[in-house]
Amino acid sequence: MSVSNLSGNQKRRMKSASRLYAVQALFQMEASSQPIDVVLKEFEEHRMGAEVDGIRLEDGDLNHFSQVVAGAVNNQARIDQMTDRALVAKWPIGRIDPTLRALFRAAGAEFVEGDTPPKVTIVEYVEVALAFSPDGKERGFVNAVLDHMAREAKPKSFV
């Protein structure tokens, strides 16, 4: 969906939704070994704004979604290394929940390539984590890991 004629609030909601979709897409790619082009097309045509059980899903910012997913794929090694450094030594990225791994990769893509202020990106992805863990158990963990990653990727944003 085009975002050019929308209000600022609508654009923000769509960008937020695109982050959730990006985490889902990255999870799907890892779980099913589907290539990026197949997953991007599926989300564009069948997921974003779709109706599921009588509930219409939020439209996403397709451009932002595609940039995040592609950025996560293209920079996966760098992002995974940043994540590993942010995790406790006993918990390498390969041992964490695949949903959180997808979340860290999506956020990492924004830290590495994006222009959104890192603190905003952190808040946004903590909210995404809550969508997958509504009891809030992951909030502090996700916040701490993302803060560490952001400080490594964009140290000048924290001076």
C-alpha atoms as a PDB file:
ATOM      1  CA  MET A   1       0.000   0.000   0.000  1.00  0.00           C
ATOM      2  CA  SER A   2       1.256   3.453  -0.879  1.00  0.00           C
ATOM      3  CA  VAL A   3       1.994   5.681   2.090  1.00  0.00           C
ATOM      4  CA  SER A   4       2.323   9.005   0.262  1.00  0.00           C
ATOM      5  CA  ASN A   5      -1.216  10.313   0.934  1.00  0.00           C
ATOM      6  CA  LEU A   6      -1.605   9.092   4.514  1.00  0.00           C
ATOM      7  CA  SER A   7      -1.487  10.977   7.806  1.00  0.00           C
ATOM      8  CA  GLY A   8       1.612  10.808   9.990  1.00  0.00           C
ATOM      9  CA  ASN A   9      -0.190   8.543  12.469  1.00  0.00           C
ATOM     10  CA  GLN A  10      -1.269   6.136   9.718  1.00  0.00           C
ATOM     11  CA  LYS A  11       2.286   6.031   8.351  1.00  0.00           C
ATOM     12  CA  ARG A  12       3.686   5.258  11.829  1.00  0.00           C
ATOM     13  CA  ARG A  13       1.136   2.473  12.358  1.00  0.00           C
ATOM     14  CA  MET A  14       1.985   0.956   8.994  1.00  0.00           C
ATOM     15  CA  LYS A  15       5.707   1.153   9.721  1.00  0.00           C
ATOM     16  CA  SER A  16       5.144  -0.506  13.099  1.00  0.00           C
ATOM     17  CA  ALA A  17       3.085  -3.247  11.434  1.00  0.00           C
ATOM     18  CA  SER A  18       5.828  -3.747   8.847  1.00  0.00           C
ATOM     19  CA  ARG A  19       8.276  -4.483  11.667  1.00  0.00           C
ATOM     20  CA  LEU A  20       6.003  -7.216  13.018  1.00  0.00           C
ATOM     21  CA  TYR A  21       5.610  -8.637   9.512  1.00  0.00           C
ATOM     22  CA  ALA A  22       9.394  -8.537   9.013  1.00  0.00           C
ATOM     23  CA  VAL A  23       9.954 -10.620  12.159  1.00  0.00           C
ATOM     24  CA  GLN A  24       7.325 -13.105  10.972  1.00  0.00           C
ATOM     25  CA  ALA A  25       8.890 -13.262   7.498  1.00  0.00           C
ATOM     26  CA  LEU A  26      12.406 -13.827   8.854  1.00  0.00           C
ATOM     27  CA  PHE A  27      11.074 -16.534  11.174  1.00  0.00           C
ATOM     28  CA  GLN A  28       9.287 -18.176   8.242  1.00  0.00           C
ATOM     29  CA  MET A  29      12.394 -18.046   6.068  1.00  0.00           C
ATOM     30  CA  GLU A  30      14.465 -19.762   8.750  1.00  0.00           C
ATOM     31  CA  ALA A  31      11.821 -22.356   9.631  1.00  0.00           C
ATOM     32  CA  SER A  32      10.935 -23.295   6.058  1.00  0.00           C
ATOM     33  CA  SER A  33      14.148 -22.476   4.153  1.00  0.00           C
ATOM     34  CA  GLN A  34      12.076 -20.432   1.689  1.00  0.00           C
ATOM     35  CA  PRO A  35      13.987 -17.821  -0.324  1.00  0.00           C
ATOM     36  CA  ILE A  36      13.479 -14.134   0.347  1.00  0.00           C
ATOM     37  CA  ASP A  37      11.631 -13.398  -2.910  1.00  0.00           C
ATOM     38  CA  VAL A  38       8.997 -16.061  -2.198  1.00  0.00           C
ATOM     39  CA  VAL A  39       8.402 -14.825   1.344  1.00  0.00           C
ATOM     40  CA  LEU A  40       8.279 -11.148   0.369  1.00  0.00           C
ATOM     41  CA  LYS A  41       5.711 -11.906  -2.328  1.00  0.00           C
ATOM     42  CA  GLU A  42       3.602 -14.006   0.052  1.00  0.00           C
ATOM     43  CA  PHE A  43       3.472 -11.228   2.642  1.00  0.00           C
ATOM     44  CA  GLU A  44       2.701  -8.569   0.032  1.00  0.00           C
ATOM     45  CA  GLU A  45      -0.076 -10.570  -1.617  1.00  0.00           C
ATOM     46  CA  HIS A  46      -1.564 -12.608   1.216  1.00  0.00           C
ATOM     47  CA  ARG A  47      -0.613 -11.299   4.663  1.00  0.00           C
ATOM     48  CA  MET A  48      -0.450  -7.524   4.891  1.00  0.00           C
ATOM     49  CA  GLY A  49      -3.946  -6.136   5.316  1.00  0.00           C
ATOM     50  CA  ALA A  50      -5.499  -9.581   4.914  1.00  0.00           C
ATOM     51  CA  GLU A  51      -8.637 -10.676   6.716  1.00  0.00           C
ATOM     52  CA  VAL A  52      -8.150 -13.581   9.120  1.00  0.00           C
ATOM     53  CA  ASP A  53     -11.094 -15.045  11.031  1.00  0.00           C
ATOM     54  CA  GLY A  54     -13.127 -11.922  10.340  1.00  0.00           C
ATOM     55  CA  ILE A  55     -10.396  -9.588  11.573  1.00  0.00           C
ATOM     56  CA  ARG A  56      -8.591  -7.341   9.133  1.00  0.00           C
ATOM     57  CA  LEU A  57      -4.846  -7.264   9.751  1.00  0.00           C
ATOM     58  CA  GLU A  58      -3.047  -3.936   9.741  1.00  0.00           C
ATOM     59  CA  ASP A  59      -1.618  -2.774   6.441  1.00  0.00           C
ATOM     60  CA  GLY A  60       2.150  -2.582   6.463  1.00  0.00           C
ATOM     61  CA  ASP A  61       4.580  -0.208   4.823  1.00  0.00           C
ATOM     62  CA  LEU A  62       5.719  -2.554   2.057  1.00  0.00           C
ATOM     63  CA  ASN A  63       8.867  -0.561   1.304  1.00  0.00           C
ATOM     64  CA  HIS A  64       9.992  -0.559   4.941  1.00  0.00           C
ATOM     65  CA  PHE A  65       9.102  -4.255   5.308  1.00  0.00           C
ATOM     66  CA  SER A  66      11.148  -5.184   2.228  1.00  0.00           C
ATOM     67  CA  GLN A  67      14.110  -3.051   3.347  1.00  0.00           C
ATOM     68  CA  VAL A  68      14.161  -4.626   6.813  1.00  0.00           C
ATOM     69  CA  VAL A  69      13.908  -8.202   5.536  1.00  0.00           C
ATOM     70  CA  ALA A  70      16.521  -7.643   2.815  1.00  0.00           C
ATOM     71  CA  GLY A  71      18.783  -5.806   5.264  1.00  0.00           C
ATOM     72  CA  ALA A  72      18.532  -8.674   7.740  1.00  0.00           C
ATOM     73  CA  VAL A  73      19.360 -11.222   5.044  1.00  0.00           C
ATOM     74  CA  ASN A  74      22.197  -9.198   3.503  1.00  0.00           C
ATOM     75  CA  ASN A  75      23.786  -8.359   6.873  1.00  0.00           C
ATOM     76  CA  GLN A  76      22.919 -11.539   8.764  1.00  0.00           C
ATOM     77  CA  ALA A  77      26.491 -12.467   9.704  1.00  0.00           C
ATOM     78  CA  ARG A  78      27.240  -8.976  11.038  1.00  0.00           C
ATOM     79  CA  ILE A  79      23.906  -8.754  12.872  1.00  0.00           C
ATOM     80  CA  ASP A  80      24.306 -12.229  14.394  1.00  0.00           C
ATOM     81  CA  GLN A  81      27.791 -11.280  15.617  1.00  0.00           C
ATOM     82  CA  MET A  82      26.404  -8.100  17.204  1.00  0.00           C
ATOM     83  CA  THR A  83      23.651 -10.153  18.830  1.00  0.00           C
ATOM     84  CA  ASP A  84      26.133 -12.740  20.103  1.00  0.00           C
ATOM     85  CA  ARG A  85      28.170  -9.990  21.746  1.00  0.00           C
ATOM     86  CA  ALA A  86      25.006  -8.657  23.402  1.00  0.00           C
ATOM     87  CA  LEU A  87      23.976 -12.057  24.777  1.00  0.00           C
ATOM     88  CA  VAL A  88      25.372 -13.772  27.837  1.00  0.00           C
ATOM     89  CA  ALA A  89      28.304 -15.998  26.831  1.00  0.00           C
ATOM     90  CA  LYS A  90      26.344 -19.172  27.614  1.00  0.00           C
ATOM     91  CA  TRP A  91      23.591 -18.183  25.178  1.00  0.00           C
ATOM     92  CA  PRO A  92      24.882 -17.851  21.624  1.00  0.00           C
ATOM     93  CA  ILE A  93      22.306 -16.718  19.068  1.00  0.00           C
ATOM     94  CA  GLY A  94      21.824 -20.304  17.878  1.00  0.00           C
ATOM     95  CA  ARG A  95      20.400 -21.259  21.267  1.00  0.00           C
ATOM     96  CA  ILE A  96      17.801 -18.533  21.614  1.00  0.00           C
ATOM     97  CA  ASP A  97      14.178 -18.795  20.563  1.00  0.00           C
ATOM     98  CA  PRO A  98      13.851 -18.534  16.755  1.00  0.00           C
ATOM     99  CA  THR A  99      11.246 -15.774  17.085  1.00  0.00           C
ATOM    100  CA  LEU A 100      13.663 -13.668  19.131  1.00  0.00           C
ATOM    101  CA  ARG A 101      16.451 -14.469  16.682  1.00  0.00           C
ATOM    102  CA  ALA A 102      14.238 -13.130  13.860  1.00  0.00           C
ATOM    103  CA  LEU A 103      13.422 -10.052  15.963  1.00  0.00           C
ATOM    104  CA  PHE A 104      17.096  -9.317  16.665  1.00  0.00           C
ATOM    105  CA  ARG A 105      17.883  -9.713  12.953  1.00  0.00           C
ATOM    106  CA  ALA A 106      15.102  -7.342  11.917  1.00  0.00           C
ATOM    107  CA  ALA A 107      16.105  -4.728  14.490  1.00  0.00           C
ATOM    108  CA  GLY A 108      19.756  -5.234  13.592  1.00  0.00           C
ATOM    109  CA  ALA A 109      18.953  -4.465   9.969  1.00  0.00           C
ATOM    110  CA  GLU A 110      17.485  -1.141  11.044  1.00  0.00           C
ATOM    111  CA  PHE A 111      20.516  -0.377  13.220  1.00  0.00           C
ATOM    112  CA  VAL A 112      22.928  -1.227  10.392  1.00  0.00           C
ATOM    113  CA  GLU A 113      21.113   0.288   7.393  1.00  0.00           C
ATOM    114  CA  GLY A 114      18.151   2.280   8.647  1.00  0.00           C
ATOM    115  CA  ASP A 115      17.705   5.936   9.404  1.00  0.00           C
ATOM    116  CA  THR A 116      15.239   5.567  12.290  1.00  0.00           C
ATOM    117  CA  PRO A 117      16.802   6.765  15.562  1.00  0.00           C
ATOM    118  CA  PRO A 118      18.073   3.695  17.454  1.00  0.00           C
ATOM    119  CA  LYS A 119      16.065   4.510  20.580  1.00  0.00           C
ATOM    120  CA  VAL A 120      12.858   4.534  18.514  1.00  0.00           C
ATOM    121  CA  THR A 121      13.827   1.245  16.885  1.00  0.00           C
ATOM    122  CA  ILE A 122      14.401  -0.302  20.322  1.00  0.00           C
ATOM    123  CA  VAL A 123      10.976   0.799  21.588  1.00  0.00           C
ATOM    124  CA  GLU A 124       9.300  -0.475  18.421  1.00  0.00           C
ATOM    125  CA  TYR A 125      10.893  -3.933  18.608  1.00  0.00           C
ATOM    126  CA  VAL A 126      10.210  -4.273  22.335  1.00  0.00           C
ATOM    127  CA  GLU A 127       6.551  -3.750  21.360  1.00  0.00           C
ATOM    128  CA  VAL A 128       6.902  -6.438  18.675  1.00  0.00           C
ATOM    129  CA  ALA A 129       8.333  -8.785  21.307  1.00  0.00           C
ATOM    130  CA  LEU A 130       5.246  -8.166  23.434  1.00  0.00           C
ATOM    131  CA  ALA A 131       3.074  -9.310  20.527  1.00  0.00           C
ATOM    132  CA  PHE A 132       4.789 -12.703  20.746  1.00  0.00           C
ATOM    133  CA  SER A 133       5.080 -12.782  24.543  1.00  0.00           C
ATOM    134  CA  PRO A 134       2.105 -10.833  25.939  1.00  0.00           C
ATOM    135  CA  ASP A 135       3.043 -11.674  29.537  1.00  0.00           C
ATOM    136  CA  GLY A 136       6.008  -9.325  29.104  1.00  0.00           C
ATOM    137  CA  LYS A 137       8.655 -11.799  30.259  1.00  0.00           C
ATOM    138  CA  GLU A 138      10.934 -10.973  27.339  1.00  0.00           C
ATOM    139  CA  ARG A 139      10.674  -7.167  27.613  1.00  0.00           C
ATOM    140  CA  GLY A 140      13.783  -6.525  29.722  1.00  0.00           C
ATOM    141  CA  PHE A 141      15.863  -9.119  27.902  1.00  0.00           C
ATOM    142  CA  VAL A 142      14.927  -7.792  24.454  1.00  0.00           C
ATOM    143  CA  ASN A 143      15.484  -4.193  25.547  1.00  0.00           C
ATOM    144  CA  ALA A 144      18.948  -4.981  26.935  1.00  0.00           C
ATOM    145  CA  VAL A 145      20.090  -6.918  23.872  1.00  0.00           C
ATOM    146  CA  LEU A 146      18.778  -4.284  21.460  1.00  0.00           C
ATOM    147  CA  ASP A 147      20.351  -1.473  23.470  1.00  0.00           C
ATOM    148  CA  HIS A 148      23.734  -3.215  23.301  1.00  0.00           C
ATOM    149  CA  MET A 149      23.363  -3.842  19.557  1.00  0.00           C
ATOM    150  CA  ALA A 150      22.312  -0.240  18.877  1.00  0.00           C
ATOM    151  CA  ARG A 151      25.228   1.178  20.837  1.00  0.00           C
ATOM    152  CA  GLU A 152      27.613  -0.978  18.819  1.00  0.00           C
ATOM    153  CA  ALA A 153      26.034  -0.149  15.439  1.00  0.00           C
ATOM    154  CA  LYS A 154      25.409   3.580  16.047  1.00  0.00           C
ATOM    155  CA  PRO A 155      27.537   4.725  18.994  1.00  0.00           C
ATOM    156  CA  LYS A 156      27.220   8.413  18.074  1.00  0.00           C
ATOM    157  CA  SER A 157      23.461   8.219  18.738  1.00  0.00           C
ATOM    158  CA  PHE A 158      24.165   7.619  22.426  1.00  0.00           C
ATOM    159  CA  VAL A 159      26.674  10.368  23.177  1.00  0.00           C
END
